[in-house]
Amino acid sequence: MVHPSNTAKDLKEFIANAAGKPIEYASAGVGSGSYIAAEYLFKVLAKIQTVHVPFPGGAPAVTAVLGNHVGAMAATVSPLIVHINGGKLRGIGIASAQRFGPVPDVPTYIESGFTGFTAASWVGFFVPSKTDATIVYKFNAAINEALKEQTAVERLKRFGLDPMVNDTAATKRFFDSEVDHWGKMVKAIGVSIN
């Protein structure tokens, strides 16, 4: 997202407006999902230079963009819905496969020409690896049942979360694919954890 003083309406326009100069953007810090996705988008897909302005968390980064101290930010959309819908920030791209209900005017990266690139945040439940399969099954069934309740779904969607109901095998496949997807981005941008 960008400060409203920026004229870009989508990522393609934002990148074009940079016209050969590095793009400055804030994030919740090196290693955050938003940082990884932004670096991958800018450096690998768009092949442009960036100046990353890391903050010790999302809240200080949002404050900096709201005050126009940093003109753009890569972040998880959930805590920014109120700022985007209130006109205090402009969403120029969302890395999901489809537009997101709480901010329907924000185009996807795919719509901006970055076909096939998604990078979504998610929340999952984990147990120790040696947990008995019967307990895992019961835990999974209880979570899935709760995620079918309309009140729970509505509350989660208000916070920008889209519930996924899966069995344990589908959840494992999803998790493994996410590790592979994010691992490739981390390697491509050269982030190392030392």
N, C-alpha and C. Protein backbone atom coordinates (compact mmCIF):
# COMPACT_ATOMS: atom_id res chain seq x y z
N MET A 1 0.84 -1.18 0.00
CA MET A 1 0.00 0.00 0.00
C MET A 1 0.87 1.23 0.00
N VAL A 2 0.28 2.35 -0.38
CA VAL A 2 1.01 3.61 -0.48
C VAL A 2 0.25 4.71 0.25
N HIS A 3 0.95 5.77 0.53
CA HIS A 3 0.33 6.98 1.07
C HIS A 3 -0.56 7.55 -0.04
N PRO A 4 -1.70 8.14 0.30
CA PRO A 4 -2.62 8.67 -0.73
C PRO A 4 -2.00 9.72 -1.65
N SER A 5 -0.90 10.35 -1.26
CA SER A 5 -0.26 11.34 -2.12
C SER A 5 0.39 10.68 -3.34
N ASN A 6 0.63 9.38 -3.28
CA ASN A 6 1.19 8.65 -4.41
C ASN A 6 0.07 8.46 -5.45
N THR A 7 0.37 8.72 -6.70
CA THR A 7 -0.67 8.65 -7.74
C THR A 7 -0.93 7.24 -8.27
N ALA A 8 -0.08 6.27 -7.93
CA ALA A 8 -0.22 4.91 -8.48
C ALA A 8 -1.51 4.25 -8.00
N LYS A 9 -2.20 3.62 -8.94
CA LYS A 9 -3.45 2.91 -8.62
C LYS A 9 -3.23 1.40 -8.51
N ASP A 10 -2.11 0.92 -9.07
CA ASP A 10 -1.79 -0.51 -8.97
C ASP A 10 -0.28 -0.68 -9.01
N LEU A 11 0.18 -1.91 -8.84
CA LEU A 11 1.62 -2.19 -8.80
C LEU A 11 2.33 -1.82 -10.09
N LYS A 12 1.70 -2.13 -11.20
CA LYS A 12 2.33 -1.82 -12.49
C LYS A 12 2.61 -0.32 -12.60
N GLU A 13 1.64 0.49 -12.23
CA GLU A 13 1.79 1.95 -12.27
C GLU A 13 2.83 2.41 -11.24
N PHE A 14 2.83 1.82 -10.06
CA PHE A 14 3.78 2.15 -9.01
C PHE A 14 5.21 1.92 -9.48
N ILE A 15 5.43 0.78 -10.10
CA ILE A 15 6.77 0.44 -10.60
C ILE A 15 7.16 1.35 -11.76
N ALA A 16 6.22 1.61 -12.67
CA ALA A 16 6.50 2.49 -13.81
C ALA A 16 6.83 3.91 -13.33
N ASN A 17 6.14 4.39 -12.31
CA ASN A 17 6.37 5.73 -11.79
C ASN A 17 7.75 5.89 -11.15
N ALA A 18 8.34 4.78 -10.74
CA ALA A 18 9.67 4.85 -10.13
C ALA A 18 10.71 5.27 -11.17
N ALA A 19 10.47 4.98 -12.44
CA ALA A 19 11.30 5.42 -13.57
C ALA A 19 12.81 5.32 -13.31
N GLY A 20 13.26 4.11 -13.02
CA GLY A 20 14.69 3.87 -12.91
C GLY A 20 15.32 4.19 -11.58
N LYS A 21 14.56 4.75 -10.66
CA LYS A 21 15.15 5.01 -9.34
C LYS A 21 14.65 3.93 -8.37
N PRO A 22 15.43 3.65 -7.32
CA PRO A 22 15.03 2.60 -6.39
C PRO A 22 13.69 2.92 -5.72
N ILE A 23 12.92 1.89 -5.49
CA ILE A 23 11.65 2.02 -4.79
C ILE A 23 11.91 1.86 -3.29
N GLU A 24 11.43 2.82 -2.52
CA GLU A 24 11.57 2.77 -1.07
C GLU A 24 10.27 2.22 -0.48
N TYR A 25 10.41 1.24 0.41
CA TYR A 25 9.21 0.69 1.06
C TYR A 25 9.54 0.23 2.47
N ALA A 26 8.54 0.28 3.32
CA ALA A 26 8.66 -0.16 4.71
C ALA A 26 8.10 -1.57 4.86
N SER A 27 8.56 -2.25 5.90
CA SER A 27 7.97 -3.54 6.27
C SER A 27 8.16 -3.75 7.77
N ALA A 28 7.62 -4.84 8.26
CA ALA A 28 7.75 -5.19 9.68
C ALA A 28 9.12 -5.77 9.98
N GLY A 29 10.03 -5.76 9.03
CA GLY A 29 11.39 -6.19 9.28
C GLY A 29 11.88 -7.27 8.34
N VAL A 30 13.20 -7.39 8.25
CA VAL A 30 13.83 -8.41 7.42
C VAL A 30 13.40 -9.78 7.92
N GLY A 31 13.00 -10.62 6.99
CA GLY A 31 12.57 -11.97 7.34
C GLY A 31 11.07 -12.11 7.50
N SER A 32 10.34 -11.00 7.61
CA SER A 32 8.88 -11.10 7.70
C SER A 32 8.33 -11.56 6.35
N GLY A 33 7.17 -12.16 6.35
CA GLY A 33 6.58 -12.63 5.11
C GLY A 33 6.39 -11.52 4.10
N SER A 34 5.98 -10.35 4.57
CA SER A 34 5.77 -9.22 3.67
C SER A 34 7.07 -8.76 3.03
N TYR A 35 8.14 -8.76 3.81
CA TYR A 35 9.46 -8.40 3.28
C TYR A 35 9.89 -9.39 2.20
N ILE A 36 9.76 -10.68 2.48
CA ILE A 36 10.18 -11.72 1.53
C ILE A 36 9.39 -11.58 0.23
N ALA A 37 8.08 -11.44 0.34
CA ALA A 37 7.23 -11.32 -0.86
C ALA A 37 7.56 -10.05 -1.65
N ALA A 38 7.79 -8.93 -0.95
CA ALA A 38 8.10 -7.67 -1.64
C ALA A 38 9.45 -7.75 -2.34
N GLU A 39 10.45 -8.27 -1.66
CA GLU A 39 11.78 -8.39 -2.28
C GLU A 39 11.72 -9.30 -3.51
N TYR A 40 10.97 -10.39 -3.40
CA TYR A 40 10.83 -11.31 -4.53
C TYR A 40 10.13 -10.62 -5.69
N LEU A 41 9.05 -9.91 -5.38
CA LEU A 41 8.32 -9.19 -6.43
C LEU A 41 9.21 -8.17 -7.11
N PHE A 42 9.84 -7.31 -6.33
CA PHE A 42 10.62 -6.22 -6.90
C PHE A 42 11.90 -6.70 -7.57
N LYS A 43 12.68 -7.50 -6.88
CA LYS A 43 14.01 -7.87 -7.38
C LYS A 43 13.99 -9.00 -8.41
N VAL A 44 13.15 -10.01 -8.20
CA VAL A 44 13.16 -11.17 -9.09
C VAL A 44 12.18 -11.00 -10.24
N LEU A 45 10.95 -10.62 -9.94
CA LEU A 45 9.93 -10.52 -11.00
C LEU A 45 10.00 -9.20 -11.77
N ALA A 46 10.04 -8.08 -11.05
CA ALA A 46 10.04 -6.76 -11.71
C ALA A 46 11.46 -6.31 -12.07
N LYS A 47 12.46 -6.90 -11.43
CA LYS A 47 13.87 -6.58 -11.69
C LYS A 47 14.18 -5.10 -11.50
N ILE A 48 13.76 -4.58 -10.35
CA ILE A 48 14.04 -3.20 -10.01
C ILE A 48 14.75 -3.14 -8.66
N GLN A 49 15.39 -2.00 -8.41
CA GLN A 49 16.08 -1.81 -7.15
C GLN A 49 15.13 -1.29 -6.09
N THR A 50 15.41 -1.68 -4.85
CA THR A 50 14.59 -1.23 -3.74
C THR A 50 15.48 -0.68 -2.63
N VAL A 51 14.88 0.15 -1.81
CA VAL A 51 15.48 0.56 -0.55
C VAL A 51 14.48 0.11 0.50
N HIS A 52 14.86 -0.92 1.23
CA HIS A 52 13.99 -1.46 2.27
C HIS A 52 14.20 -0.68 3.55
N VAL A 53 13.11 -0.23 4.15
CA VAL A 53 13.15 0.49 5.42
C VAL A 53 12.50 -0.42 6.46
N PRO A 54 13.33 -1.18 7.19
CA PRO A 54 12.76 -2.13 8.16
C PRO A 54 12.32 -1.44 9.44
N PHE A 55 11.23 -1.91 10.02
CA PHE A 55 10.75 -1.41 11.30
C PHE A 55 10.63 -2.59 12.26
N PRO A 56 10.65 -2.32 13.55
CA PRO A 56 10.54 -3.42 14.53
C PRO A 56 9.09 -3.83 14.74
N GLY A 57 8.43 -4.20 13.67
CA GLY A 57 7.03 -4.60 13.72
C GLY A 57 6.18 -3.81 12.76
N GLY A 58 4.96 -4.30 12.56
CA GLY A 58 4.05 -3.68 11.60
C GLY A 58 3.52 -2.32 12.02
N ALA A 59 3.20 -2.14 13.31
CA ALA A 59 2.59 -0.89 13.77
C ALA A 59 3.49 0.33 13.51
N PRO A 60 4.80 0.28 13.85
CA PRO A 60 5.62 1.46 13.55
C PRO A 60 5.76 1.72 12.05
N ALA A 61 5.75 0.66 11.25
CA ALA A 61 5.84 0.83 9.79
C ALA A 61 4.58 1.51 9.27
N VAL A 62 3.42 1.09 9.76
CA VAL A 62 2.16 1.71 9.35
C VAL A 62 2.16 3.20 9.72
N THR A 63 2.61 3.51 10.92
CA THR A 63 2.67 4.90 11.37
C THR A 63 3.54 5.74 10.44
N ALA A 64 4.67 5.17 10.02
CA ALA A 64 5.57 5.89 9.12
C ALA A 64 4.93 6.16 7.77
N VAL A 65 4.17 5.21 7.26
CA VAL A 65 3.52 5.40 5.96
C VAL A 65 2.33 6.36 6.11
N LEU A 66 1.57 6.23 7.19
CA LEU A 66 0.46 7.16 7.43
C LEU A 66 0.97 8.60 7.51
N GLY A 67 2.16 8.79 8.08
CA GLY A 67 2.75 10.12 8.18
C GLY A 67 3.53 10.53 6.95
N ASN A 68 3.56 9.68 5.93
CA ASN A 68 4.26 9.91 4.67
C ASN A 68 5.78 10.09 4.86
N HIS A 69 6.31 9.42 5.87
CA HIS A 69 7.76 9.40 6.09
C HIS A 69 8.40 8.36 5.18
N VAL A 70 7.66 7.31 4.89
CA VAL A 70 8.03 6.30 3.90
C VAL A 70 6.80 6.18 3.02
N GLY A 71 6.98 6.23 1.72
CA GLY A 71 5.84 6.33 0.81
C GLY A 71 5.06 5.07 0.54
N ALA A 72 5.64 3.90 0.85
CA ALA A 72 4.97 2.64 0.53
C ALA A 72 5.28 1.61 1.61
N MET A 73 4.47 0.57 1.64
CA MET A 73 4.65 -0.48 2.65
C MET A 73 4.18 -1.81 2.11
N ALA A 74 4.94 -2.85 2.45
CA ALA A 74 4.52 -4.22 2.20
C ALA A 74 4.08 -4.79 3.54
N ALA A 75 2.85 -5.29 3.62
CA ALA A 75 2.32 -5.77 4.89
C ALA A 75 1.17 -6.72 4.68
N THR A 76 0.85 -7.46 5.71
CA THR A 76 -0.36 -8.26 5.73
C THR A 76 -1.54 -7.29 5.76
N VAL A 77 -2.55 -7.57 4.98
CA VAL A 77 -3.63 -6.60 4.79
C VAL A 77 -4.56 -6.47 6.01
N SER A 78 -4.71 -7.52 6.80
CA SER A 78 -5.71 -7.50 7.88
C SER A 78 -5.68 -6.25 8.76
N PRO A 79 -4.53 -5.85 9.32
CA PRO A 79 -4.56 -4.68 10.19
C PRO A 79 -4.69 -3.35 9.44
N LEU A 80 -4.65 -3.40 8.12
CA LEU A 80 -4.69 -2.16 7.33
C LEU A 80 -6.03 -1.91 6.66
N ILE A 81 -6.96 -2.83 6.80
CA ILE A 81 -8.26 -2.71 6.15
C ILE A 81 -8.91 -1.37 6.50
N VAL A 82 -8.91 -1.01 7.77
CA VAL A 82 -9.55 0.23 8.20
C VAL A 82 -8.88 1.47 7.57
N HIS A 83 -7.56 1.44 7.42
CA HIS A 83 -6.85 2.58 6.81
C HIS A 83 -7.10 2.67 5.30
N ILE A 84 -7.18 1.51 4.65
CA ILE A 84 -7.45 1.49 3.20
C ILE A 84 -8.88 1.95 2.93
N ASN A 85 -9.83 1.37 3.65
CA ASN A 85 -11.23 1.74 3.44
C ASN A 85 -11.53 3.16 3.90
N GLY A 86 -10.73 3.68 4.82
CA GLY A 86 -10.91 5.05 5.30
C GLY A 86 -10.18 6.09 4.46
N GLY A 87 -9.44 5.63 3.43
CA GLY A 87 -8.74 6.55 2.54
C GLY A 87 -7.42 7.08 3.07
N LYS A 88 -6.94 6.55 4.19
CA LYS A 88 -5.67 7.01 4.76
C LYS A 88 -4.48 6.32 4.10
N LEU A 89 -4.72 5.18 3.50
CA LEU A 89 -3.72 4.46 2.70
C LEU A 89 -4.42 3.96 1.44
N ARG A 90 -3.64 3.73 0.37
CA ARG A 90 -4.21 3.17 -0.86
C ARG A 90 -3.56 1.82 -1.11
N GLY A 91 -4.40 0.81 -1.18
CA GLY A 91 -3.91 -0.52 -1.54
C GLY A 91 -3.66 -0.56 -3.04
N ILE A 92 -2.44 -0.93 -3.45
CA ILE A 92 -2.13 -0.99 -4.88
C ILE A 92 -1.92 -2.42 -5.37
N GLY A 93 -1.90 -3.36 -4.45
CA GLY A 93 -1.76 -4.74 -4.88
C GLY A 93 -1.90 -5.69 -3.71
N ILE A 94 -2.54 -6.81 -3.98
CA ILE A 94 -2.68 -7.85 -2.97
C ILE A 94 -2.21 -9.15 -3.60
N ALA A 95 -1.40 -9.89 -2.86
CA ALA A 95 -0.74 -11.07 -3.41
C ALA A 95 -1.57 -12.33 -3.29
N SER A 96 -2.88 -12.20 -3.33
CA SER A 96 -3.76 -13.38 -3.30
C SER A 96 -4.22 -13.70 -4.71
N ALA A 97 -4.76 -14.88 -4.87
CA ALA A 97 -5.20 -15.31 -6.20
C ALA A 97 -6.41 -14.51 -6.69
N GLN A 98 -7.27 -14.07 -5.76
CA GLN A 98 -8.44 -13.27 -6.11
C GLN A 98 -8.45 -12.02 -5.24
N ARG A 99 -9.25 -11.04 -5.66
CA ARG A 99 -9.43 -9.85 -4.83
C ARG A 99 -10.00 -10.27 -3.48
N PHE A 100 -9.73 -9.46 -2.48
CA PHE A 100 -10.08 -9.80 -1.11
C PHE A 100 -11.30 -9.01 -0.68
N GLY A 101 -12.33 -9.69 -0.18
CA GLY A 101 -13.62 -9.10 0.16
C GLY A 101 -13.58 -7.81 0.97
N PRO A 102 -12.84 -7.73 2.06
CA PRO A 102 -12.83 -6.50 2.85
C PRO A 102 -12.21 -5.28 2.15
N VAL A 103 -11.39 -5.51 1.12
CA VAL A 103 -10.81 -4.40 0.34
C VAL A 103 -10.97 -4.73 -1.16
N PRO A 104 -12.21 -4.71 -1.64
CA PRO A 104 -12.49 -5.20 -3.00
C PRO A 104 -11.88 -4.35 -4.13
N ASP A 105 -11.49 -3.12 -3.84
CA ASP A 105 -10.92 -2.26 -4.88
C ASP A 105 -9.43 -2.45 -5.08
N VAL A 106 -8.79 -3.24 -4.24
CA VAL A 106 -7.35 -3.46 -4.36
C VAL A 106 -7.10 -4.58 -5.37
N PRO A 107 -6.42 -4.27 -6.49
CA PRO A 107 -6.18 -5.30 -7.51
C PRO A 107 -5.14 -6.32 -7.05
N THR A 108 -5.23 -7.52 -7.60
CA THR A 108 -4.25 -8.55 -7.27
C THR A 108 -2.95 -8.28 -8.03
N TYR A 109 -1.88 -8.91 -7.57
CA TYR A 109 -0.61 -8.83 -8.29
C TYR A 109 -0.81 -9.39 -9.70
N ILE A 110 -1.60 -10.43 -9.80
CA ILE A 110 -1.86 -11.08 -11.10
C ILE A 110 -2.49 -10.08 -12.06
N GLU A 111 -3.46 -9.30 -11.57
CA GLU A 111 -4.10 -8.27 -12.41
C GLU A 111 -3.10 -7.20 -12.85
N SER A 112 -2.05 -7.01 -12.08
CA SER A 112 -1.04 -6.01 -12.42
C SER A 112 0.07 -6.59 -13.30
N GLY A 113 -0.12 -7.81 -13.78
CA GLY A 113 0.82 -8.40 -14.72
C GLY A 113 1.80 -9.39 -14.14
N PHE A 114 1.73 -9.66 -12.84
CA PHE A 114 2.63 -10.62 -12.22
C PHE A 114 1.93 -11.97 -12.09
N THR A 115 1.71 -12.59 -13.24
CA THR A 115 0.94 -13.82 -13.36
C THR A 115 1.53 -14.93 -12.52
N GLY A 116 0.66 -15.60 -11.78
CA GLY A 116 1.07 -16.77 -11.02
C GLY A 116 1.73 -16.49 -9.69
N PHE A 117 1.92 -15.21 -9.34
CA PHE A 117 2.59 -14.91 -8.08
C PHE A 117 1.58 -14.63 -6.98
N THR A 118 1.61 -15.46 -5.96
CA THR A 118 0.79 -15.23 -4.77
C THR A 118 1.67 -15.41 -3.53
N ALA A 119 1.30 -14.76 -2.47
CA ALA A 119 2.03 -14.88 -1.21
C ALA A 119 1.07 -14.50 -0.09
N ALA A 120 0.32 -15.45 0.36
CA ALA A 120 -0.70 -15.16 1.37
C ALA A 120 -0.24 -15.57 2.77
N SER A 121 -0.67 -14.81 3.74
CA SER A 121 -0.45 -15.17 5.14
C SER A 121 -1.52 -16.15 5.57
N TRP A 122 -1.21 -16.97 6.53
CA TRP A 122 -2.20 -17.89 7.05
C TRP A 122 -1.87 -18.24 8.49
N VAL A 123 -2.85 -18.76 9.18
CA VAL A 123 -2.70 -19.18 10.57
C VAL A 123 -3.09 -20.64 10.64
N GLY A 124 -2.31 -21.43 11.34
CA GLY A 124 -2.62 -22.85 11.46
C GLY A 124 -2.45 -23.33 12.90
N PHE A 125 -2.94 -24.51 13.16
CA PHE A 125 -2.79 -25.14 14.47
C PHE A 125 -1.80 -26.29 14.33
N PHE A 126 -0.84 -26.36 15.25
CA PHE A 126 0.18 -27.40 15.22
C PHE A 126 0.23 -28.12 16.57
N VAL A 127 0.61 -29.38 16.53
CA VAL A 127 0.80 -30.18 17.74
C VAL A 127 2.18 -30.84 17.64
N PRO A 128 2.72 -31.31 18.76
CA PRO A 128 4.01 -32.02 18.68
C PRO A 128 3.93 -33.20 17.72
N SER A 129 5.03 -33.46 17.02
CA SER A 129 5.04 -34.46 15.95
C SER A 129 4.66 -35.87 16.41
N LYS A 130 4.85 -36.20 17.66
CA LYS A 130 4.54 -37.55 18.13
C LYS A 130 3.16 -37.66 18.78
N THR A 131 2.32 -36.66 18.56
CA THR A 131 0.96 -36.69 19.11
C THR A 131 0.18 -37.83 18.46
N ASP A 132 -0.55 -38.56 19.27
CA ASP A 132 -1.34 -39.70 18.80
C ASP A 132 -2.31 -39.26 17.69
N ALA A 133 -2.40 -40.05 16.63
CA ALA A 133 -3.24 -39.71 15.47
C ALA A 133 -4.70 -39.50 15.84
N THR A 134 -5.20 -40.23 16.83
CA THR A 134 -6.59 -40.08 17.27
C THR A 134 -6.82 -38.68 17.84
N ILE A 135 -5.87 -38.21 18.61
CA ILE A 135 -5.98 -36.87 19.20
C ILE A 135 -5.91 -35.82 18.10
N VAL A 136 -4.99 -36.00 17.15
CA VAL A 136 -4.88 -35.06 16.03
C VAL A 136 -6.19 -35.01 15.25
N TYR A 137 -6.77 -36.18 14.98
CA TYR A 137 -8.03 -36.25 14.24
C TYR A 137 -9.13 -35.50 14.99
N LYS A 138 -9.25 -35.73 16.31
CA LYS A 138 -10.29 -35.07 17.11
C LYS A 138 -10.08 -33.55 17.14
N PHE A 139 -8.84 -33.15 17.31
CA PHE A 139 -8.51 -31.72 17.33
C PHE A 139 -8.88 -31.08 16.00
N ASN A 140 -8.50 -31.72 14.90
CA ASN A 140 -8.81 -31.22 13.56
C ASN A 140 -10.32 -31.13 13.34
N ALA A 141 -11.05 -32.17 13.75
CA ALA A 141 -12.50 -32.18 13.58
C ALA A 141 -13.16 -31.05 14.37
N ALA A 142 -12.69 -30.80 15.59
CA ALA A 142 -13.25 -29.73 16.42
C ALA A 142 -12.99 -28.35 15.80
N ILE A 143 -11.78 -28.16 15.30
CA ILE A 143 -11.46 -26.88 14.66
C ILE A 143 -12.31 -26.68 13.42
N ASN A 144 -12.42 -27.71 12.60
CA ASN A 144 -13.22 -27.61 11.38
C ASN A 144 -14.68 -27.33 11.69
N GLU A 145 -15.20 -27.95 12.74
CA GLU A 145 -16.59 -27.72 13.14
C GLU A 145 -16.77 -26.26 13.56
N ALA A 146 -15.84 -25.73 14.34
CA ALA A 146 -15.92 -24.34 14.78
C ALA A 146 -15.85 -23.38 13.59
N LEU A 147 -15.05 -23.73 12.60
CA LEU A 147 -14.88 -22.86 11.43
C LEU A 147 -16.08 -22.90 10.48
N LYS A 148 -17.05 -23.77 10.77
CA LYS A 148 -18.27 -23.82 9.97
C LYS A 148 -19.38 -22.96 10.59
N GLU A 149 -19.18 -22.52 11.84
CA GLU A 149 -20.19 -21.72 12.52
C GLU A 149 -20.21 -20.31 11.92
N GLN A 150 -21.39 -19.86 11.54
CA GLN A 150 -21.53 -18.57 10.86
C GLN A 150 -20.95 -17.41 11.67
N THR A 151 -21.18 -17.42 12.98
CA THR A 151 -20.67 -16.34 13.83
C THR A 151 -19.14 -16.29 13.77
N ALA A 152 -18.51 -17.45 13.85
CA ALA A 152 -17.04 -17.52 13.80
C ALA A 152 -16.54 -17.04 12.43
N VAL A 153 -17.19 -17.50 11.36
CA VAL A 153 -16.79 -17.11 10.01
C VAL A 153 -16.89 -15.60 9.83
N GLU A 154 -18.01 -15.03 10.26
CA GLU A 154 -18.20 -13.58 10.12
C GLU A 154 -17.16 -12.79 10.91
N ARG A 155 -16.86 -13.24 12.13
CA ARG A 155 -15.87 -12.55 12.95
C ARG A 155 -14.48 -12.63 12.32
N LEU A 156 -14.10 -13.80 11.83
CA LEU A 156 -12.80 -13.96 11.19
C LEU A 156 -12.70 -13.10 9.94
N LYS A 157 -13.75 -13.06 9.14
CA LYS A 157 -13.74 -12.27 7.91
C LYS A 157 -13.62 -10.77 8.21
N ARG A 158 -14.21 -10.33 9.32
CA ARG A 158 -14.07 -8.92 9.72
C ARG A 158 -12.61 -8.56 9.97
N PHE A 159 -11.84 -9.53 10.42
CA PHE A 159 -10.41 -9.32 10.68
C PHE A 159 -9.56 -9.63 9.45
N GLY A 160 -10.21 -9.87 8.32
CA GLY A 160 -9.47 -10.13 7.10
C GLY A 160 -8.98 -11.56 6.97
N LEU A 161 -9.57 -12.47 7.70
CA LEU A 161 -9.17 -13.87 7.64
C LEU A 161 -10.24 -14.68 6.91
N ASP A 162 -9.81 -15.57 6.05
CA ASP A 162 -10.71 -16.39 5.25
C ASP A 162 -10.54 -17.84 5.70
N PRO A 163 -11.48 -18.39 6.48
CA PRO A 163 -11.30 -19.73 7.05
C PRO A 163 -11.16 -20.81 5.98
N MET A 164 -10.22 -21.73 6.25
CA MET A 164 -10.04 -22.91 5.40
C MET A 164 -10.34 -24.14 6.25
N VAL A 165 -11.18 -25.00 5.73
CA VAL A 165 -11.52 -26.24 6.44
C VAL A 165 -10.92 -27.39 5.66
N ASN A 166 -9.97 -28.09 6.29
CA ASN A 166 -9.28 -29.21 5.64
C ASN A 166 -9.11 -30.38 6.59
N ASP A 167 -8.99 -31.56 6.01
CA ASP A 167 -8.61 -32.70 6.84
C ASP A 167 -7.10 -32.66 7.04
N THR A 168 -6.57 -33.56 7.86
CA THR A 168 -5.15 -33.51 8.20
C THR A 168 -4.26 -33.76 6.98
N ALA A 169 -4.66 -34.63 6.07
CA ALA A 169 -3.84 -34.90 4.88
C ALA A 169 -3.77 -33.68 3.97
N ALA A 170 -4.90 -33.01 3.75
CA ALA A 170 -4.91 -31.81 2.92
C ALA A 170 -4.12 -30.68 3.58
N THR A 171 -4.21 -30.60 4.89
CA THR A 171 -3.45 -29.58 5.62
C THR A 171 -1.96 -29.82 5.47
N LYS A 172 -1.52 -31.07 5.57
CA LYS A 172 -0.10 -31.39 5.39
C LYS A 172 0.36 -31.04 3.99
N ARG A 173 -0.45 -31.36 2.98
CA ARG A 173 -0.08 -31.02 1.59
C ARG A 173 0.05 -29.51 1.43
N PHE A 174 -0.90 -28.77 2.01
CA PHE A 174 -0.86 -27.30 1.94
C PHE A 174 0.40 -26.78 2.63
N PHE A 175 0.68 -27.26 3.83
CA PHE A 175 1.86 -26.81 4.57
C PHE A 175 3.14 -27.11 3.80
N ASP A 176 3.27 -28.32 3.26
CA ASP A 176 4.46 -28.69 2.50
C ASP A 176 4.64 -27.79 1.27
N SER A 177 3.52 -27.48 0.59
CA SER A 177 3.62 -26.62 -0.60
C SER A 177 4.02 -25.20 -0.21
N GLU A 178 3.55 -24.72 0.95
CA GLU A 178 3.93 -23.39 1.42
C GLU A 178 5.42 -23.32 1.78
N VAL A 179 5.92 -24.38 2.43
CA VAL A 179 7.36 -24.42 2.76
C VAL A 179 8.17 -24.36 1.48
N ASP A 180 7.76 -25.11 0.47
CA ASP A 180 8.46 -25.11 -0.82
C ASP A 180 8.38 -23.73 -1.49
N HIS A 181 7.18 -23.16 -1.54
CA HIS A 181 6.94 -21.85 -2.19
C HIS A 181 7.77 -20.75 -1.53
N TRP A 182 7.68 -20.62 -0.21
CA TRP A 182 8.41 -19.58 0.51
C TRP A 182 9.91 -19.86 0.50
N GLY A 183 10.29 -21.14 0.55
CA GLY A 183 11.71 -21.48 0.48
C GLY A 183 12.34 -21.03 -0.82
N LYS A 184 11.63 -21.19 -1.93
CA LYS A 184 12.15 -20.74 -3.23
C LYS A 184 12.32 -19.22 -3.25
N MET A 185 11.35 -18.50 -2.66
CA MET A 185 11.48 -17.04 -2.63
C MET A 185 12.66 -16.61 -1.77
N VAL A 186 12.83 -17.24 -0.63
CA VAL A 186 13.94 -16.90 0.27
C VAL A 186 15.28 -17.12 -0.42
N LYS A 187 15.42 -18.24 -1.11
CA LYS A 187 16.66 -18.52 -1.83
C LYS A 187 16.88 -17.53 -2.97
N ALA A 188 15.81 -17.20 -3.68
CA ALA A 188 15.93 -16.29 -4.83
C ALA A 188 16.39 -14.89 -4.42
N ILE A 189 15.98 -14.43 -3.24
CA ILE A 189 16.36 -13.08 -2.81
C ILE A 189 17.63 -13.07 -1.96
N GLY A 190 18.12 -14.27 -1.62
CA GLY A 190 19.39 -14.37 -0.90
C GLY A 190 19.33 -14.06 0.59
N VAL A 191 18.17 -14.29 1.20
CA VAL A 191 18.07 -14.09 2.64
C VAL A 191 18.69 -15.30 3.34
N SER A 192 19.49 -15.03 4.36
CA SER A 192 20.02 -16.14 5.15
C SER A 192 19.80 -15.86 6.61
N ILE A 193 19.60 -16.91 7.34
CA ILE A 193 19.38 -16.79 8.78
C ILE A 193 20.65 -17.27 9.46
N ASN A 194 21.43 -16.35 9.95
CA ASN A 194 22.69 -16.71 10.66
C ASN A 194 22.69 -16.08 12.03
